Amino acid sequence: MSDIQAPIPIIPALLTGPLRLVPLAPLAQALTLLARRLVRHHPGLINRLGAYVDCRFAIVPTDLPVTLLLDPHPTAMRITLHRDPPQADARIAGPLAALLGLVHGTWDGDALFFSRDLVIDGDTAAALALRNAIDDCEIDLGAEIAGLSGPFSPLLTPFIDLAERKTGMPLRRAEMRP
């Protein structure tokens, strides 16, 4: 983990505008498939939540016009997308890059919180349990997304790495980057 030195990238509204028009159900289904893959490859993710396994988490990328609602049920992990804020036990909000940086260990969650780049509402103990579960699993979303493409994974990985370099978004764990 590194200290935050460069500003956190923010996705320009011009690029996120079309997300206001597209149907959210297909995107939510894709995210649910990714989340279930994560649970299969990192079973500790659910186990580490302990008493908070039945909590619902609103993940709010502040630079996107949607909220992700994570329901980490052990046998039926699900992510739904919402244009209006859904009911949740805990809410974690920040720029998409900061949220991805938390997953990949790029930035320290405490530093993001104290710099107000990350805001937590609701059950903070549940949010902390989720953060700790994710930290322990050392998830690499870029590798997981590439893995969803099956035999095309080796072809997709360079595009994920290129997208990371061009956008400044942490799409891979630092130790997995070329």
N, C-alpha and C. Protein backbone atom coordinates (compact mmCIF):
# COMPACT_ATOMS: atom_id res chain seq x y z
N MET A 1 0.85 -1.17 0.00
CA MET A 1 0.00 0.00 0.00
C MET A 1 0.89 1.23 0.00
N SER A 2 0.47 2.23 -0.76
CA SER A 2 1.24 3.45 -0.80
C SER A 2 0.39 4.59 -0.27
N ASP A 3 1.08 5.64 0.17
CA ASP A 3 0.35 6.82 0.59
C ASP A 3 -0.24 7.49 -0.64
N ILE A 4 -1.30 8.21 -0.43
CA ILE A 4 -1.93 8.90 -1.55
C ILE A 4 -1.09 10.12 -1.86
N GLN A 5 -0.48 10.14 -3.04
CA GLN A 5 0.33 11.27 -3.43
C GLN A 5 -0.29 11.98 -4.62
N ALA A 6 -0.70 11.24 -5.60
CA ALA A 6 -1.34 11.82 -6.77
C ALA A 6 -2.84 11.94 -6.49
N PRO A 7 -3.49 12.91 -7.11
CA PRO A 7 -4.94 13.00 -6.91
C PRO A 7 -5.63 11.74 -7.42
N ILE A 8 -6.72 11.40 -6.77
CA ILE A 8 -7.50 10.23 -7.18
C ILE A 8 -8.22 10.58 -8.48
N PRO A 9 -8.08 9.74 -9.51
CA PRO A 9 -8.77 10.03 -10.78
C PRO A 9 -10.29 10.06 -10.59
N ILE A 10 -10.93 10.99 -11.24
CA ILE A 10 -12.38 11.12 -11.25
C ILE A 10 -12.84 10.92 -12.69
N ILE A 11 -13.86 10.10 -12.87
CA ILE A 11 -14.38 9.87 -14.22
C ILE A 11 -15.20 11.09 -14.63
N PRO A 12 -14.88 11.70 -15.76
CA PRO A 12 -15.63 12.88 -16.21
C PRO A 12 -17.10 12.55 -16.47
N ALA A 13 -17.97 13.50 -16.12
CA ALA A 13 -19.42 13.32 -16.30
C ALA A 13 -19.76 13.02 -17.77
N LEU A 14 -19.00 13.57 -18.68
CA LEU A 14 -19.25 13.32 -20.10
C LEU A 14 -19.19 11.83 -20.42
N LEU A 15 -18.30 11.12 -19.75
CA LEU A 15 -18.16 9.68 -20.00
C LEU A 15 -19.20 8.84 -19.24
N THR A 16 -19.69 9.37 -18.13
CA THR A 16 -20.64 8.60 -17.33
C THR A 16 -22.09 8.86 -17.71
N GLY A 17 -22.34 9.89 -18.47
CA GLY A 17 -23.71 10.24 -18.88
C GLY A 17 -24.49 9.10 -19.50
N PRO A 18 -23.88 8.34 -20.44
CA PRO A 18 -24.64 7.24 -21.04
C PRO A 18 -25.12 6.19 -20.03
N LEU A 19 -24.43 6.08 -18.89
CA LEU A 19 -24.85 5.12 -17.88
C LEU A 19 -26.22 5.47 -17.30
N ARG A 20 -26.63 6.72 -17.45
CA ARG A 20 -27.96 7.14 -16.99
C ARG A 20 -29.07 6.56 -17.89
N LEU A 21 -28.71 6.14 -19.09
CA LEU A 21 -29.70 5.71 -20.07
C LEU A 21 -29.77 4.19 -20.26
N VAL A 22 -28.71 3.50 -19.94
CA VAL A 22 -28.68 2.06 -20.22
C VAL A 22 -29.46 1.28 -19.16
N PRO A 23 -30.03 0.15 -19.55
CA PRO A 23 -30.69 -0.70 -18.56
C PRO A 23 -29.65 -1.24 -17.57
N LEU A 24 -29.99 -1.21 -16.31
CA LEU A 24 -29.03 -1.61 -15.28
C LEU A 24 -29.01 -3.12 -15.02
N ALA A 25 -30.10 -3.82 -15.34
CA ALA A 25 -30.19 -5.25 -15.02
C ALA A 25 -29.05 -6.08 -15.67
N PRO A 26 -28.72 -5.89 -16.95
CA PRO A 26 -27.62 -6.69 -17.52
C PRO A 26 -26.27 -6.40 -16.85
N LEU A 27 -26.03 -5.14 -16.51
CA LEU A 27 -24.78 -4.80 -15.81
C LEU A 27 -24.76 -5.44 -14.42
N ALA A 28 -25.91 -5.40 -13.74
CA ALA A 28 -25.99 -6.00 -12.41
C ALA A 28 -25.76 -7.51 -12.48
N GLN A 29 -26.29 -8.14 -13.51
CA GLN A 29 -26.08 -9.59 -13.68
C GLN A 29 -24.60 -9.90 -13.88
N ALA A 30 -23.93 -9.09 -14.70
CA ALA A 30 -22.49 -9.29 -14.91
C ALA A 30 -21.71 -9.11 -13.61
N LEU A 31 -22.07 -8.10 -12.84
CA LEU A 31 -21.39 -7.86 -11.56
C LEU A 31 -21.68 -8.99 -10.57
N THR A 32 -22.89 -9.53 -10.60
CA THR A 32 -23.22 -10.66 -9.73
C THR A 32 -22.39 -11.89 -10.11
N LEU A 33 -22.24 -12.14 -11.40
CA LEU A 33 -21.39 -13.26 -11.85
C LEU A 33 -19.95 -13.08 -11.37
N LEU A 34 -19.45 -11.84 -11.47
CA LEU A 34 -18.10 -11.55 -11.00
C LEU A 34 -18.00 -11.76 -9.49
N ALA A 35 -19.00 -11.29 -8.75
CA ALA A 35 -18.98 -11.43 -7.29
C ALA A 35 -19.02 -12.91 -6.88
N ARG A 36 -19.82 -13.69 -7.57
CA ARG A 36 -19.90 -15.12 -7.25
C ARG A 36 -18.59 -15.83 -7.59
N ARG A 37 -17.94 -15.40 -8.65
CA ARG A 37 -16.62 -15.95 -8.99
C ARG A 37 -15.62 -15.62 -7.87
N LEU A 38 -15.69 -14.39 -7.38
CA LEU A 38 -14.80 -13.98 -6.29
C LEU A 38 -15.00 -14.86 -5.06
N VAL A 39 -16.26 -15.14 -4.73
CA VAL A 39 -16.56 -15.96 -3.56
C VAL A 39 -16.03 -17.39 -3.76
N ARG A 40 -16.16 -17.92 -4.98
CA ARG A 40 -15.63 -19.27 -5.25
C ARG A 40 -14.11 -19.30 -5.10
N HIS A 41 -13.44 -18.26 -5.59
CA HIS A 41 -11.97 -18.24 -5.53
C HIS A 41 -11.43 -17.75 -4.19
N HIS A 42 -12.26 -17.06 -3.44
CA HIS A 42 -11.84 -16.50 -2.15
C HIS A 42 -12.94 -16.75 -1.12
N PRO A 43 -13.15 -18.02 -0.70
CA PRO A 43 -14.24 -18.32 0.23
C PRO A 43 -14.11 -17.58 1.56
N GLY A 44 -12.91 -17.19 1.91
CA GLY A 44 -12.70 -16.43 3.14
C GLY A 44 -13.41 -15.09 3.14
N LEU A 45 -13.74 -14.61 1.95
CA LEU A 45 -14.43 -13.32 1.83
C LEU A 45 -15.74 -13.35 2.61
N ILE A 46 -16.51 -14.38 2.47
CA ILE A 46 -17.79 -14.50 3.18
C ILE A 46 -17.56 -14.87 4.64
N ASN A 47 -16.68 -15.83 4.87
CA ASN A 47 -16.41 -16.28 6.25
C ASN A 47 -15.92 -15.14 7.13
N ARG A 48 -15.11 -14.26 6.57
CA ARG A 48 -14.51 -13.17 7.34
C ARG A 48 -15.54 -12.12 7.74
N LEU A 49 -16.66 -12.06 7.05
CA LEU A 49 -17.70 -11.10 7.42
C LEU A 49 -18.36 -11.45 8.75
N GLY A 50 -18.31 -12.71 9.12
CA GLY A 50 -18.84 -13.14 10.41
C GLY A 50 -20.28 -12.72 10.62
N ALA A 51 -20.54 -11.99 11.69
CA ALA A 51 -21.89 -11.56 12.05
C ALA A 51 -22.51 -10.61 11.03
N TYR A 52 -21.69 -10.06 10.14
CA TYR A 52 -22.18 -9.07 9.17
C TYR A 52 -22.50 -9.67 7.81
N VAL A 53 -22.53 -11.00 7.73
CA VAL A 53 -22.77 -11.67 6.46
C VAL A 53 -24.16 -11.38 5.89
N ASP A 54 -25.10 -11.03 6.74
CA ASP A 54 -26.45 -10.72 6.26
C ASP A 54 -26.68 -9.23 6.05
N CYS A 55 -25.64 -8.44 6.21
CA CYS A 55 -25.77 -6.99 5.99
C CYS A 55 -25.78 -6.69 4.50
N ARG A 56 -26.42 -5.61 4.17
CA ARG A 56 -26.42 -5.13 2.78
C ARG A 56 -25.56 -3.88 2.74
N PHE A 57 -24.70 -3.82 1.72
CA PHE A 57 -23.73 -2.74 1.60
C PHE A 57 -24.01 -1.92 0.34
N ALA A 58 -24.23 -0.64 0.51
CA ALA A 58 -24.36 0.27 -0.63
C ALA A 58 -22.98 0.79 -0.96
N ILE A 59 -22.51 0.51 -2.14
CA ILE A 59 -21.21 0.99 -2.61
C ILE A 59 -21.53 2.10 -3.61
N VAL A 60 -21.10 3.31 -3.28
CA VAL A 60 -21.49 4.49 -4.06
C VAL A 60 -20.26 5.11 -4.73
N PRO A 61 -20.03 4.78 -6.00
CA PRO A 61 -18.98 5.49 -6.74
C PRO A 61 -19.51 6.90 -7.03
N THR A 62 -18.97 7.89 -6.36
CA THR A 62 -19.51 9.25 -6.44
C THR A 62 -19.37 9.88 -7.82
N ASP A 63 -18.54 9.30 -8.67
CA ASP A 63 -18.40 9.83 -10.02
C ASP A 63 -19.20 9.02 -11.05
N LEU A 64 -20.07 8.14 -10.58
CA LEU A 64 -20.96 7.38 -11.46
C LEU A 64 -22.41 7.64 -11.03
N PRO A 65 -23.35 7.56 -11.96
CA PRO A 65 -24.75 7.82 -11.62
C PRO A 65 -25.51 6.57 -11.14
N VAL A 66 -24.80 5.64 -10.50
CA VAL A 66 -25.43 4.43 -9.98
C VAL A 66 -24.84 4.08 -8.61
N THR A 67 -25.60 3.31 -7.87
CA THR A 67 -25.14 2.75 -6.60
C THR A 67 -25.20 1.24 -6.72
N LEU A 68 -24.16 0.58 -6.24
CA LEU A 68 -24.14 -0.88 -6.20
C LEU A 68 -24.64 -1.31 -4.83
N LEU A 69 -25.55 -2.25 -4.80
CA LEU A 69 -26.01 -2.82 -3.54
C LEU A 69 -25.49 -4.25 -3.48
N LEU A 70 -24.60 -4.48 -2.53
CA LEU A 70 -23.96 -5.78 -2.36
C LEU A 70 -24.69 -6.53 -1.26
N ASP A 71 -25.22 -7.69 -1.61
CA ASP A 71 -25.86 -8.58 -0.66
C ASP A 71 -24.99 -9.83 -0.60
N PRO A 72 -24.08 -9.92 0.41
CA PRO A 72 -23.07 -11.00 0.42
C PRO A 72 -23.56 -12.31 0.99
N HIS A 73 -24.76 -12.69 0.70
CA HIS A 73 -25.31 -13.96 1.20
C HIS A 73 -24.37 -15.10 0.81
N PRO A 74 -24.06 -16.00 1.75
CA PRO A 74 -23.08 -17.06 1.49
C PRO A 74 -23.39 -17.96 0.29
N THR A 75 -24.66 -18.23 0.02
CA THR A 75 -24.98 -19.13 -1.09
C THR A 75 -25.61 -18.41 -2.28
N ALA A 76 -25.87 -17.12 -2.13
CA ALA A 76 -26.52 -16.40 -3.21
C ALA A 76 -26.03 -14.94 -3.28
N MET A 77 -24.71 -14.77 -3.32
CA MET A 77 -24.14 -13.43 -3.43
C MET A 77 -24.81 -12.70 -4.59
N ARG A 78 -25.13 -11.44 -4.37
CA ARG A 78 -25.84 -10.70 -5.42
C ARG A 78 -25.45 -9.23 -5.37
N ILE A 79 -25.36 -8.64 -6.56
CA ILE A 79 -25.15 -7.19 -6.68
C ILE A 79 -26.28 -6.66 -7.56
N THR A 80 -26.93 -5.63 -7.08
CA THR A 80 -27.92 -4.94 -7.89
C THR A 80 -27.47 -3.50 -8.06
N LEU A 81 -27.92 -2.88 -9.14
CA LEU A 81 -27.57 -1.49 -9.42
C LEU A 81 -28.82 -0.63 -9.27
N HIS A 82 -28.63 0.57 -8.75
CA HIS A 82 -29.75 1.47 -8.48
C HIS A 82 -29.40 2.89 -8.89
N ARG A 83 -30.36 3.57 -9.44
CA ARG A 83 -30.16 4.99 -9.76
C ARG A 83 -30.43 5.86 -8.54
N ASP A 84 -31.35 5.42 -7.69
CA ASP A 84 -31.65 6.11 -6.43
C ASP A 84 -31.04 5.30 -5.30
N PRO A 85 -30.56 5.96 -4.25
CA PRO A 85 -29.90 5.23 -3.16
C PRO A 85 -30.82 4.18 -2.53
N PRO A 86 -30.39 2.92 -2.49
CA PRO A 86 -31.20 1.86 -1.89
C PRO A 86 -31.00 1.82 -0.37
N GLN A 87 -31.90 1.11 0.30
CA GLN A 87 -31.73 0.86 1.74
C GLN A 87 -30.56 -0.09 1.92
N ALA A 88 -29.70 0.21 2.89
CA ALA A 88 -28.55 -0.63 3.17
C ALA A 88 -28.16 -0.48 4.63
N ASP A 89 -27.45 -1.48 5.13
CA ASP A 89 -26.96 -1.41 6.51
C ASP A 89 -25.75 -0.49 6.62
N ALA A 90 -24.92 -0.48 5.59
CA ALA A 90 -23.73 0.37 5.56
C ALA A 90 -23.59 0.95 4.16
N ARG A 91 -23.08 2.17 4.11
CA ARG A 91 -22.88 2.86 2.83
C ARG A 91 -21.42 3.31 2.77
N ILE A 92 -20.76 2.96 1.67
CA ILE A 92 -19.37 3.34 1.46
C ILE A 92 -19.33 4.14 0.16
N ALA A 93 -18.92 5.39 0.24
CA ALA A 93 -18.95 6.27 -0.93
C ALA A 93 -17.60 6.89 -1.18
N GLY A 94 -17.27 7.04 -2.46
CA GLY A 94 -16.04 7.69 -2.87
C GLY A 94 -15.88 7.53 -4.37
N PRO A 95 -14.92 8.21 -4.95
CA PRO A 95 -14.68 8.05 -6.39
C PRO A 95 -14.39 6.58 -6.72
N LEU A 96 -14.78 6.16 -7.92
CA LEU A 96 -14.57 4.77 -8.33
C LEU A 96 -13.12 4.35 -8.15
N ALA A 97 -12.18 5.21 -8.51
CA ALA A 97 -10.76 4.86 -8.38
C ALA A 97 -10.39 4.58 -6.93
N ALA A 98 -10.94 5.35 -5.99
CA ALA A 98 -10.65 5.12 -4.57
C ALA A 98 -11.22 3.78 -4.12
N LEU A 99 -12.44 3.47 -4.55
CA LEU A 99 -13.06 2.20 -4.18
C LEU A 99 -12.27 1.03 -4.76
N LEU A 100 -11.85 1.15 -6.02
CA LEU A 100 -11.03 0.10 -6.62
C LEU A 100 -9.67 0.00 -5.93
N GLY A 101 -9.13 1.15 -5.56
CA GLY A 101 -7.86 1.18 -4.84
C GLY A 101 -7.93 0.47 -3.50
N LEU A 102 -9.08 0.54 -2.85
CA LEU A 102 -9.27 -0.20 -1.59
C LEU A 102 -9.22 -1.70 -1.84
N VAL A 103 -9.91 -2.14 -2.88
CA VAL A 103 -9.96 -3.56 -3.20
C VAL A 103 -8.56 -4.09 -3.52
N HIS A 104 -7.78 -3.31 -4.25
CA HIS A 104 -6.47 -3.76 -4.72
C HIS A 104 -5.32 -3.41 -3.80
N GLY A 105 -5.61 -2.78 -2.67
CA GLY A 105 -4.55 -2.43 -1.74
C GLY A 105 -3.65 -1.31 -2.24
N THR A 106 -4.13 -0.53 -3.21
CA THR A 106 -3.35 0.56 -3.76
C THR A 106 -3.24 1.70 -2.76
N TRP A 107 -4.37 2.00 -2.11
CA TRP A 107 -4.40 3.10 -1.14
C TRP A 107 -4.90 2.59 0.19
N ASP A 108 -4.49 3.23 1.23
CA ASP A 108 -4.89 2.87 2.58
C ASP A 108 -6.28 3.41 2.88
N GLY A 109 -7.16 2.54 3.34
CA GLY A 109 -8.53 2.94 3.64
C GLY A 109 -8.61 4.01 4.71
N ASP A 110 -7.77 3.93 5.73
CA ASP A 110 -7.79 4.95 6.79
C ASP A 110 -7.40 6.31 6.22
N ALA A 111 -6.38 6.34 5.36
CA ALA A 111 -5.97 7.61 4.75
C ALA A 111 -7.09 8.18 3.88
N LEU A 112 -7.76 7.31 3.12
CA LEU A 112 -8.88 7.77 2.29
C LEU A 112 -10.00 8.33 3.16
N PHE A 113 -10.27 7.66 4.28
CA PHE A 113 -11.34 8.10 5.18
C PHE A 113 -10.99 9.45 5.81
N PHE A 114 -9.78 9.59 6.32
CA PHE A 114 -9.42 10.84 7.01
C PHE A 114 -9.23 12.00 6.04
N SER A 115 -8.94 11.70 4.78
CA SER A 115 -8.83 12.77 3.78
C SER A 115 -10.21 13.11 3.19
N ARG A 116 -11.23 12.39 3.63
CA ARG A 116 -12.62 12.55 3.17
C ARG A 116 -12.82 12.14 1.71
N ASP A 117 -11.89 11.38 1.16
CA ASP A 117 -12.08 10.81 -0.17
C ASP A 117 -13.02 9.62 -0.10
N LEU A 118 -13.22 9.11 1.10
CA LEU A 118 -14.09 7.97 1.34
C LEU A 118 -15.01 8.34 2.50
N VAL A 119 -16.31 8.08 2.33
CA VAL A 119 -17.29 8.39 3.38
C VAL A 119 -18.03 7.10 3.72
N ILE A 120 -18.15 6.84 5.03
CA ILE A 120 -18.85 5.65 5.50
C ILE A 120 -20.02 6.10 6.36
N ASP A 121 -21.21 5.57 6.06
CA ASP A 121 -22.42 5.85 6.84
C ASP A 121 -23.04 4.54 7.27
N GLY A 122 -23.89 4.62 8.29
CA GLY A 122 -24.60 3.43 8.74
C GLY A 122 -23.74 2.62 9.69
N ASP A 123 -23.81 1.31 9.57
CA ASP A 123 -23.10 0.40 10.46
C ASP A 123 -21.61 0.37 10.08
N THR A 124 -20.84 1.18 10.78
CA THR A 124 -19.41 1.27 10.45
C THR A 124 -18.67 -0.02 10.77
N ALA A 125 -19.15 -0.78 11.77
CA ALA A 125 -18.52 -2.07 12.08
C ALA A 125 -18.69 -3.03 10.91
N ALA A 126 -19.86 -3.01 10.28
CA ALA A 126 -20.10 -3.86 9.09
C ALA A 126 -19.19 -3.43 7.95
N ALA A 127 -19.06 -2.11 7.73
CA ALA A 127 -18.18 -1.61 6.67
C ALA A 127 -16.73 -2.01 6.94
N LEU A 128 -16.31 -1.95 8.18
CA LEU A 128 -14.94 -2.35 8.53
C LEU A 128 -14.75 -3.85 8.32
N ALA A 129 -15.76 -4.65 8.66
CA ALA A 129 -15.68 -6.10 8.43
C ALA A 129 -15.53 -6.40 6.93
N LEU A 130 -16.28 -5.66 6.10
CA LEU A 130 -16.17 -5.86 4.64
C LEU A 130 -14.78 -5.48 4.16
N ARG A 131 -14.29 -4.35 4.62
CA ARG A 131 -12.93 -3.92 4.23
C ARG A 131 -11.89 -4.96 4.63
N ASN A 132 -11.97 -5.44 5.86
CA ASN A 132 -11.00 -6.44 6.33
C ASN A 132 -11.11 -7.74 5.55
N ALA A 133 -12.33 -8.15 5.22
CA ALA A 133 -12.51 -9.37 4.43
C ALA A 133 -11.88 -9.22 3.05
N ILE A 134 -12.08 -8.07 2.44
CA ILE A 134 -11.51 -7.82 1.11
C ILE A 134 -9.99 -7.75 1.19
N ASP A 135 -9.47 -7.06 2.22
CA ASP A 135 -8.01 -6.96 2.40
C ASP A 135 -7.37 -8.35 2.53
N ASP A 136 -8.00 -9.20 3.33
CA ASP A 136 -7.44 -10.53 3.59
C ASP A 136 -7.38 -11.40 2.34
N CYS A 137 -8.31 -11.18 1.42
CA CYS A 137 -8.40 -12.04 0.23
C CYS A 137 -7.44 -11.63 -0.89
N GLU A 138 -6.90 -10.43 -0.82
CA GLU A 138 -5.98 -9.95 -1.86
C GLU A 138 -6.56 -10.16 -3.26
N ILE A 139 -7.73 -9.60 -3.46
CA ILE A 139 -8.46 -9.73 -4.71
C ILE A 139 -7.78 -8.93 -5.83
N ASP A 140 -7.78 -9.49 -7.03
CA ASP A 140 -7.32 -8.80 -8.23
C ASP A 140 -8.48 -8.82 -9.22
N LEU A 141 -9.24 -7.72 -9.26
CA LEU A 141 -10.42 -7.67 -10.12
C LEU A 141 -10.07 -7.82 -11.59
N GLY A 142 -8.96 -7.26 -12.02
CA GLY A 142 -8.56 -7.40 -13.42
C GLY A 142 -8.37 -8.86 -13.80
N ALA A 143 -7.71 -9.61 -12.94
CA ALA A 143 -7.49 -11.04 -13.20
C ALA A 143 -8.82 -11.80 -13.17
N GLU A 144 -9.71 -11.43 -12.25
CA GLU A 144 -11.01 -12.11 -12.15
C GLU A 144 -11.86 -11.82 -13.38
N ILE A 145 -11.84 -10.57 -13.83
CA ILE A 145 -12.61 -10.21 -15.03
C ILE A 145 -12.06 -10.94 -16.25
N ALA A 146 -10.73 -10.96 -16.37
CA ALA A 146 -10.12 -11.69 -17.49
C ALA A 146 -10.49 -13.17 -17.40
N GLY A 147 -10.51 -13.71 -16.19
CA GLY A 147 -10.85 -15.12 -16.00
C GLY A 147 -12.25 -15.46 -16.46
N LEU A 148 -13.17 -14.50 -16.40
CA LEU A 148 -14.53 -14.73 -16.87
C LEU A 148 -14.58 -14.98 -18.38
N SER A 149 -13.54 -14.54 -19.08
CA SER A 149 -13.54 -14.71 -20.54
C SER A 149 -13.00 -16.07 -20.97
N GLY A 150 -12.70 -16.92 -19.98
CA GLY A 150 -12.25 -18.29 -20.29
C GLY A 150 -10.96 -18.31 -21.09
N PRO A 151 -10.97 -18.97 -22.26
CA PRO A 151 -9.74 -19.12 -23.02
C PRO A 151 -9.22 -17.79 -23.59
N PHE A 152 -10.04 -16.76 -23.56
CA PHE A 152 -9.62 -15.46 -24.08
C PHE A 152 -8.91 -14.60 -23.03
N SER A 153 -8.77 -15.15 -21.83
CA SER A 153 -8.15 -14.41 -20.73
C SER A 153 -6.78 -13.83 -21.10
N PRO A 154 -5.88 -14.62 -21.73
CA PRO A 154 -4.57 -14.06 -22.07
C PRO A 154 -4.66 -12.88 -23.06
N LEU A 155 -5.73 -12.85 -23.86
CA LEU A 155 -5.91 -11.75 -24.80
C LEU A 155 -6.50 -10.51 -24.12
N LEU A 156 -7.31 -10.71 -23.10
CA LEU A 156 -7.97 -9.61 -22.41
C LEU A 156 -7.05 -8.90 -21.42
N THR A 157 -6.16 -9.63 -20.79
CA THR A 157 -5.30 -9.06 -19.75
C THR A 157 -4.50 -7.85 -20.23
N PRO A 158 -3.88 -7.85 -21.42
CA PRO A 158 -3.16 -6.65 -21.85
C PRO A 158 -4.07 -5.43 -22.00
N PHE A 159 -5.33 -5.65 -22.38
CA PHE A 159 -6.27 -4.53 -22.50
C PHE A 159 -6.62 -3.95 -21.14
N ILE A 160 -6.74 -4.82 -20.15
CA ILE A 160 -7.00 -4.35 -18.78
C ILE A 160 -5.81 -3.53 -18.29
N ASP A 161 -4.60 -4.01 -18.55
CA ASP A 161 -3.41 -3.28 -18.14
C ASP A 161 -3.30 -1.94 -18.86
N LEU A 162 -3.64 -1.91 -20.14
CA LEU A 162 -3.62 -0.66 -20.91
C LEU A 162 -4.67 0.32 -20.35
N ALA A 163 -5.85 -0.18 -20.07
CA ALA A 163 -6.90 0.68 -19.51
C ALA A 163 -6.46 1.27 -18.18
N GLU A 164 -5.77 0.48 -17.38
CA GLU A 164 -5.28 0.97 -16.09
C GLU A 164 -4.26 2.09 -16.29
N ARG A 165 -3.34 1.90 -17.22
CA ARG A 165 -2.32 2.92 -17.47
C ARG A 165 -2.94 4.21 -18.01
N LYS A 166 -3.91 4.08 -18.91
CA LYS A 166 -4.51 5.26 -19.55
C LYS A 166 -5.45 6.03 -18.63
N THR A 167 -6.14 5.33 -17.72
CA THR A 167 -7.13 5.99 -16.88
C THR A 167 -6.63 6.36 -15.49
N GLY A 168 -5.59 5.69 -15.04
CA GLY A 168 -5.12 5.90 -13.67
C GLY A 168 -5.94 5.14 -12.64
N MET A 169 -6.91 4.36 -13.10
CA MET A 169 -7.75 3.54 -12.21
C MET A 169 -6.98 2.29 -11.82
N PRO A 170 -6.92 1.96 -10.54
CA PRO A 170 -6.23 0.72 -10.14
C PRO A 170 -7.11 -0.49 -10.44
N LEU A 171 -6.88 -1.12 -11.58
CA LEU A 171 -7.70 -2.25 -12.03
C LEU A 171 -7.08 -3.60 -11.67
N ARG A 172 -5.86 -3.58 -11.14
CA ARG A 172 -5.15 -4.81 -10.74
C ARG A 172 -4.44 -4.56 -9.41
N ARG A 173 -4.11 -5.61 -8.72
CA ARG A 173 -3.27 -5.49 -7.52
C ARG A 173 -1.88 -5.04 -7.98
N ALA A 174 -1.25 -4.23 -7.20
CA ALA A 174 0.06 -3.67 -7.57
C ALA A 174 1.08 -4.78 -7.88
N GLU A 175 1.08 -5.83 -7.09
CA GLU A 175 2.08 -6.90 -7.29
C GLU A 175 1.78 -7.74 -8.52
N MET A 176 0.59 -7.57 -9.13
CA MET A 176 0.23 -8.34 -10.32
C MET A 176 0.41 -7.54 -11.61
N ARG A 177 0.74 -6.27 -11.47
CA ARG A 177 0.89 -5.43 -12.67
C ARG A 177 2.19 -5.75 -13.37
N PRO A 178 2.19 -5.59 -14.71
CA PRO A 178 3.43 -5.88 -15.47
C PRO A 178 4.50 -4.83 -15.19
